[in-house]
Amino acid sequence: MANENVEVWVFEGSTVRTVQMNGEPLWVLKDVCGVLDISNSRNISARLDDDEKGVYLVDTPGGVQNMTIISESGLYATIMRSDKPQAKPFRKWVTSEVLPAIRKHGMYAIDDVLNDPDMLINALLRLKEERAKAKALEQTVAVQT
């Protein structure tokens, strides 16, 4: 299932995607590595325990692709292993803003979105379109198999 619960936002110019599964946020490892200036996300994935990672279908500019996702525990492990200067502000942002917002409201949104209903409406319309596209792709795959 691609994009069913994908949330996208930007941290200091880097796109970060999460998905919600069973009420828990899961992070796209490639995006986390991008923020932390880590070039090889496969090395990071290999260091994580099996219960800290998984695979999720994500719609990308190159089409729907399997992306490695990591749990909250996997996220912390990745951040704590990093000695890059970006790790500390990213950890602070995740733990003081993003995760509390997801737990309280079921989503993370910047003030611009919360203060401008039209912006939120447009974001939800895009989400609806993405879900319809993902459902159509799933049906196509189901017919082909």
Protein backbone atom coordinates (compact mmCIF):
# COMPACT_ATOMS: atom_id res chain seq x y z
CA MET A 1 0.00 0.00 0.00
CA ALA A 2 1.78 3.15 -1.14
CA ASN A 3 1.34 6.51 0.54
CA GLU A 4 -1.64 5.60 2.66
CA ASN A 5 -0.30 7.41 5.70
CA VAL A 6 2.69 9.36 4.39
CA GLU A 7 3.37 12.71 6.05
CA VAL A 8 5.98 15.02 4.55
CA TRP A 9 7.69 18.03 6.07
CA VAL A 10 10.97 19.87 5.87
CA PHE A 11 13.73 20.12 8.48
CA GLU A 12 16.36 22.76 7.68
CA GLY A 13 15.83 22.32 3.94
CA SER A 14 15.70 18.50 3.93
CA THR A 15 12.49 16.59 3.21
CA VAL A 16 11.55 14.06 5.88
CA ARG A 17 8.75 11.52 5.34
CA THR A 18 6.99 9.43 7.95
CA VAL A 19 4.21 6.89 7.76
CA GLN A 20 1.74 6.01 10.49
CA MET A 21 1.26 2.32 11.21
CA ASN A 22 -0.81 1.18 14.18
CA GLY A 23 -0.65 4.72 15.55
CA GLU A 24 3.14 4.79 15.54
CA PRO A 25 5.31 7.02 13.35
CA LEU A 26 7.83 5.25 11.12
CA TRP A 27 10.55 7.24 9.39
CA VAL A 28 11.89 6.84 5.85
CA LEU A 29 15.52 5.92 6.54
CA LYS A 30 16.86 7.58 3.39
CA ASP A 31 15.36 10.91 4.52
CA VAL A 32 16.79 10.56 8.04
CA CYS A 33 20.21 9.80 6.57
CA GLY A 34 19.87 12.83 4.29
CA VAL A 35 19.27 15.11 7.27
CA LEU A 36 22.24 13.59 9.09
CA ASP A 37 24.49 13.80 6.00
CA ILE A 38 24.95 10.02 5.94
CA SER A 39 25.50 8.85 2.38
CA ASN A 40 24.90 5.10 2.75
CA SER A 41 21.56 4.29 4.38
CA ARG A 42 22.13 0.55 3.76
CA ASN A 43 25.00 0.55 6.25
CA ILE A 44 22.72 2.14 8.84
CA SER A 45 19.93 -0.34 8.08
CA ALA A 46 22.33 -3.26 8.54
CA ARG A 47 23.16 -2.03 12.06
CA LEU A 48 19.53 -1.84 13.17
CA ASP A 49 17.65 -4.74 14.74
CA ASP A 50 14.93 -6.37 12.65
CA ASP A 51 12.20 -4.92 14.88
CA GLU A 52 13.55 -1.40 14.23
CA LYS A 53 13.16 -1.48 10.45
CA GLY A 54 10.86 -2.59 7.66
CA VAL A 55 9.87 -1.84 4.08
CA TYR A 56 7.03 0.38 2.87
CA LEU A 57 5.85 1.32 -0.62
CA VAL A 58 6.31 5.06 -1.18
CA ASP A 59 5.38 7.04 -4.28
CA THR A 60 8.52 8.86 -5.45
CA PRO A 61 9.32 10.94 -8.54
CA GLY A 62 10.66 7.69 -10.02
CA GLY A 63 7.43 5.81 -9.26
CA VAL A 64 6.31 3.64 -6.37
CA GLN A 65 9.35 2.18 -4.63
CA ASN A 66 10.10 0.03 -1.61
CA MET A 67 11.66 2.29 1.00
CA THR A 68 13.27 1.22 4.26
CA ILE A 69 11.38 2.64 7.21
CA ILE A 70 12.59 2.73 10.79
CA SER A 71 10.74 2.78 14.09
CA GLU A 72 11.08 5.42 16.75
CA SER A 73 13.69 3.19 18.41
CA GLY A 74 15.54 2.85 15.10
CA LEU A 75 15.41 6.61 14.64
CA TYR A 76 16.96 7.22 18.05
CA ALA A 77 19.64 4.59 17.39
CA THR A 78 20.50 6.23 14.07
CA ILE A 79 20.68 9.72 15.56
CA MET A 80 22.71 8.61 18.59
CA ARG A 81 25.25 6.78 16.43
CA SER A 82 25.83 9.86 14.32
CA ASP A 83 28.68 12.18 15.20
CA LYS A 84 27.61 14.67 12.55
CA PRO A 85 26.80 18.18 13.81
CA GLN A 86 23.31 17.89 12.28
CA ALA A 87 22.35 15.06 14.64
CA LYS A 88 21.79 17.17 17.75
CA PRO A 89 19.38 19.77 16.28
CA PHE A 90 17.56 17.02 14.37
CA ARG A 91 17.15 14.94 17.54
CA LYS A 92 15.91 18.01 19.41
CA TRP A 93 13.39 18.82 16.67
CA VAL A 94 12.13 15.22 16.53
CA THR A 95 11.78 14.80 20.29
CA SER A 96 10.52 18.26 21.22
CA GLU A 97 8.26 19.09 18.25
CA VAL A 98 7.43 16.25 15.88
CA LEU A 99 6.79 13.28 18.18
CA PRO A 100 4.79 15.27 20.76
CA ALA A 101 2.65 16.74 17.94
CA ILE A 102 2.00 13.29 16.46
CA ARG A 103 1.07 11.89 19.86
CA LYS A 104 -1.23 14.83 20.71
CA HIS A 105 -2.84 15.51 17.33
CA GLY A 106 -2.15 12.46 15.18
CA MET A 107 -0.06 14.63 12.83
CA TYR A 108 2.74 17.15 12.72
CA ALA A 109 1.92 20.51 11.17
CA ILE A 110 3.75 23.82 11.13
CA ASP A 111 1.94 26.95 12.32
CA ASP A 112 1.45 28.15 8.72
CA VAL A 113 -0.68 25.09 8.01
CA LEU A 114 -2.67 25.35 11.22
CA ASN A 115 -3.30 29.08 10.73
CA ASP A 116 -4.31 28.84 7.06
CA PRO A 117 -7.29 26.50 6.54
CA ASP A 118 -6.92 26.71 2.75
CA MET A 119 -3.36 25.38 2.97
CA LEU A 120 -4.58 22.44 5.06
CA ILE A 121 -7.50 21.80 2.69
CA ASN A 122 -5.13 21.75 -0.30
CA ALA A 123 -2.79 19.37 1.52
CA LEU A 124 -5.69 17.03 2.29
CA LEU A 125 -6.90 17.17 -1.31
CA ARG A 126 -3.39 16.19 -2.48
CA LEU A 127 -3.40 13.36 0.04
CA LYS A 128 -6.77 12.18 -1.28
CA GLU A 129 -5.42 12.22 -4.85
CA GLU A 130 -2.28 10.31 -3.80
CA ARG A 131 -4.36 7.66 -2.04
CA ALA A 132 -6.60 7.25 -5.09
CA LYS A 133 -3.51 6.89 -7.29
CA ALA A 134 -2.02 4.34 -4.90
CA LYS A 135 -5.26 2.37 -4.81
CA ALA A 136 -5.41 2.34 -8.62
CA LEU A 137 -1.81 1.08 -8.74
CA GLU A 138 -2.61 -1.64 -6.22
CA GLN A 139 -5.59 -2.74 -8.29
CA THR A 140 -3.44 -2.81 -11.43
CA VAL A 141 -0.85 -4.95 -9.66
CA ALA A 142 -3.56 -7.26 -8.29
CA VAL A 143 -4.99 -7.77 -11.80
CA GLN A 144 -1.52 -8.45 -13.23
CA THR A 145 -0.67 -11.10 -10.63
